[in-house]
Amino acid sequence: MAGMLPAVRGVIDRRILANYRVEPDALRELLPEPFEPQTVDGWGIGGICLIRLVDE
Protein backbone atom coordinates (compact mmCIF):
# COMPACT_ATOMS: atom_id res chain seq x y z
CA MET A 1 0.00 0.00 0.00
CA ALA A 2 1.21 3.49 -0.76
CA GLY A 3 2.29 5.55 2.22
CA MET A 4 2.86 2.66 4.61
CA LEU A 5 6.08 2.60 6.61
CA PRO A 6 8.12 -0.60 6.94
CA ALA A 7 7.92 -2.48 10.23
CA VAL A 8 10.79 -1.94 12.66
CA ARG A 9 11.59 -4.65 15.20
CA GLY A 10 14.05 -4.57 18.05
CA VAL A 11 14.54 -4.28 21.76
CA ILE A 12 14.53 -0.87 23.42
CA ASP A 13 18.05 -0.43 24.77
CA ARG A 14 17.70 3.16 25.95
CA ARG A 15 15.00 5.84 26.22
CA ILE A 16 15.51 9.52 26.81
CA LEU A 17 12.57 11.88 27.27
CA ALA A 18 13.47 15.55 26.93
CA ASN A 19 10.83 18.12 27.92
CA TYR A 20 11.16 21.85 27.43
CA ARG A 21 9.21 25.08 27.91
CA VAL A 22 7.36 26.50 24.91
CA GLU A 23 5.62 29.82 24.39
CA PRO A 24 1.85 29.14 24.42
CA ASP A 25 1.33 31.17 21.22
CA ALA A 26 3.75 28.87 19.36
CA LEU A 27 1.81 25.82 20.56
CA ARG A 28 -1.51 27.42 19.66
CA GLU A 29 -0.39 27.63 16.00
CA LEU A 30 0.33 23.88 15.94
CA LEU A 31 -2.76 22.56 17.71
CA PRO A 32 -5.89 21.83 15.67
CA GLU A 33 -9.21 23.39 16.64
CA PRO A 34 -10.74 23.24 19.25
CA PHE A 35 -7.62 22.43 21.32
CA GLU A 36 -5.86 25.07 23.43
CA PRO A 37 -2.46 24.65 25.10
CA GLN A 38 -2.44 24.00 28.82
CA THR A 39 0.05 26.15 30.69
CA VAL A 40 1.98 25.99 33.96
CA ASP A 41 3.34 29.31 35.24
CA GLY A 42 2.66 30.80 31.79
CA TRP A 43 4.53 28.15 29.77
CA GLY A 44 3.42 25.23 27.62
CA ILE A 45 5.36 21.97 27.51
CA GLY A 46 6.98 20.37 24.46
CA GLY A 47 8.91 17.13 24.37
CA ILE A 48 10.72 14.57 22.32
CA CYS A 49 11.34 10.91 23.05
CA LEU A 50 14.58 9.39 21.75
CA ILE A 51 14.63 5.59 21.54
CA ARG A 52 17.66 3.40 20.82
CA LEU A 53 16.79 -0.02 19.42
CA VAL A 54 19.10 -3.06 19.31
CA ASP A 55 18.67 -6.40 17.55
CA GLU A 56 16.23 -8.86 19.05
C-alpha atoms as a PDB file:
ATOM      1  CA  MET A   1       0.000   0.000   0.000  1.00  0.00           C
ATOM      2  CA  ALA A   2       1.211   3.486  -0.758  1.00  0.00           C
ATOM      3  CA  GLY A   3       2.293   5.555   2.217  1.00  0.00           C
ATOM      4  CA  MET A   4       2.864   2.655   4.608  1.00  0.00           C
ATOM      5  CA  LEU A   5       6.081   2.602   6.610  1.00  0.00           C
ATOM      6  CA  PRO A   6       8.124  -0.600   6.937  1.00  0.00           C
ATOM      7  CA  ALA A   7       7.923  -2.479  10.225  1.00  0.00           C
ATOM      8  CA  VAL A   8      10.788  -1.944  12.665  1.00  0.00           C
ATOM      9  CA  ARG A   9      11.590  -4.651  15.203  1.00  0.00           C
ATOM     10  CA  GLY A  10      14.052  -4.572  18.047  1.00  0.00           C
ATOM     11  CA  VAL A  11      14.540  -4.284  21.760  1.00  0.00           C
ATOM     12  CA  ILE A  12      14.529  -0.872  23.421  1.00  0.00           C
ATOM     13  CA  ASP A  13      18.049  -0.427  24.770  1.00  0.00           C
ATOM     14  CA  ARG A  14      17.697   3.161  25.952  1.00  0.00           C
ATOM     15  CA  ARG A  15      15.000   5.838  26.216  1.00  0.00           C
ATOM     16  CA  ILE A  16      15.508   9.521  26.808  1.00  0.00           C
ATOM     17  CA  LEU A  17      12.568  11.880  27.275  1.00  0.00           C
ATOM     18  CA  ALA A  18      13.465  15.549  26.934  1.00  0.00           C
ATOM     19  CA  ASN A  19      10.833  18.121  27.921  1.00  0.00           C
ATOM     20  CA  TYR A  20      11.158  21.847  27.425  1.00  0.00           C
ATOM     21  CA  ARG A  21       9.213  25.083  27.909  1.00  0.00           C
ATOM     22  CA  VAL A  22       7.356  26.503  24.915  1.00  0.00           C
ATOM     23  CA  GLU A  23       5.618  29.825  24.389  1.00  0.00           C
ATOM     24  CA  PRO A  24       1.846  29.136  24.421  1.00  0.00           C
ATOM     25  CA  ASP A  25       1.326  31.166  21.217  1.00  0.00           C
ATOM     26  CA  ALA A  26       3.754  28.872  19.365  1.00  0.00           C
ATOM     27  CA  LEU A  27       1.806  25.821  20.561  1.00  0.00           C
ATOM     28  CA  ARG A  28      -1.507  27.421  19.659  1.00  0.00           C
ATOM     29  CA  GLU A  29      -0.394  27.635  16.000  1.00  0.00           C
ATOM     30  CA  LEU A  30       0.333  23.881  15.939  1.00  0.00           C
ATOM     31  CA  LEU A  31      -2.756  22.561  17.706  1.00  0.00           C
ATOM     32  CA  PRO A  32      -5.891  21.833  15.669  1.00  0.00           C
ATOM     33  CA  GLU A  33      -9.211  23.389  16.636  1.00  0.00           C
ATOM     34  CA  PRO A  34     -10.736  23.238  19.246  1.00  0.00           C
ATOM     35  CA  PHE A  35      -7.619  22.434  21.321  1.00  0.00           C
ATOM     36  CA  GLU A  36      -5.859  25.067  23.432  1.00  0.00           C
ATOM     37  CA  PRO A  37      -2.459  24.655  25.098  1.00  0.00           C
ATOM     38  CA  GLN A  38      -2.436  24.000  28.824  1.00  0.00           C
ATOM     39  CA  THR A  39       0.054  26.147  30.687  1.00  0.00           C
ATOM     40  CA  VAL A  40       1.978  25.994  33.959  1.00  0.00           C
ATOM     41  CA  ASP A  41       3.335  29.311  35.240  1.00  0.00           C
ATOM     42  CA  GLY A  42       2.662  30.800  31.790  1.00  0.00           C
ATOM     43  CA  TRP A  43       4.528  28.148  29.773  1.00  0.00           C
ATOM     44  CA  GLY A  44       3.424  25.229  27.616  1.00  0.00           C
ATOM     45  CA  ILE A  45       5.364  21.970  27.514  1.00  0.00           C
ATOM     46  CA  GLY A  46       6.980  20.370  24.463  1.00  0.00           C
ATOM     47  CA  GLY A  47       8.910  17.133  24.373  1.00  0.00           C
ATOM     48  CA  ILE A  48      10.721  14.572  22.318  1.00  0.00           C
ATOM     49  CA  CYS A  49      11.342  10.906  23.053  1.00  0.00           C
ATOM     50  CA  LEU A  50      14.582   9.389  21.748  1.00  0.00           C
ATOM     51  CA  ILE A  51      14.629   5.594  21.543  1.00  0.00           C
ATOM     52  CA  ARG A  52      17.664   3.395  20.825  1.00  0.00           C
ATOM     53  CA  LEU A  53      16.793  -0.016  19.416  1.00  0.00           C
ATOM     54  CA  VAL A  54      19.096  -3.056  19.309  1.00  0.00           C
ATOM     55  CA  ASP A  55      18.666  -6.404  17.546  1.00  0.00           C
ATOM     56  CA  GLU A  56      16.227  -8.857  19.053  1.00  0.00           C
END
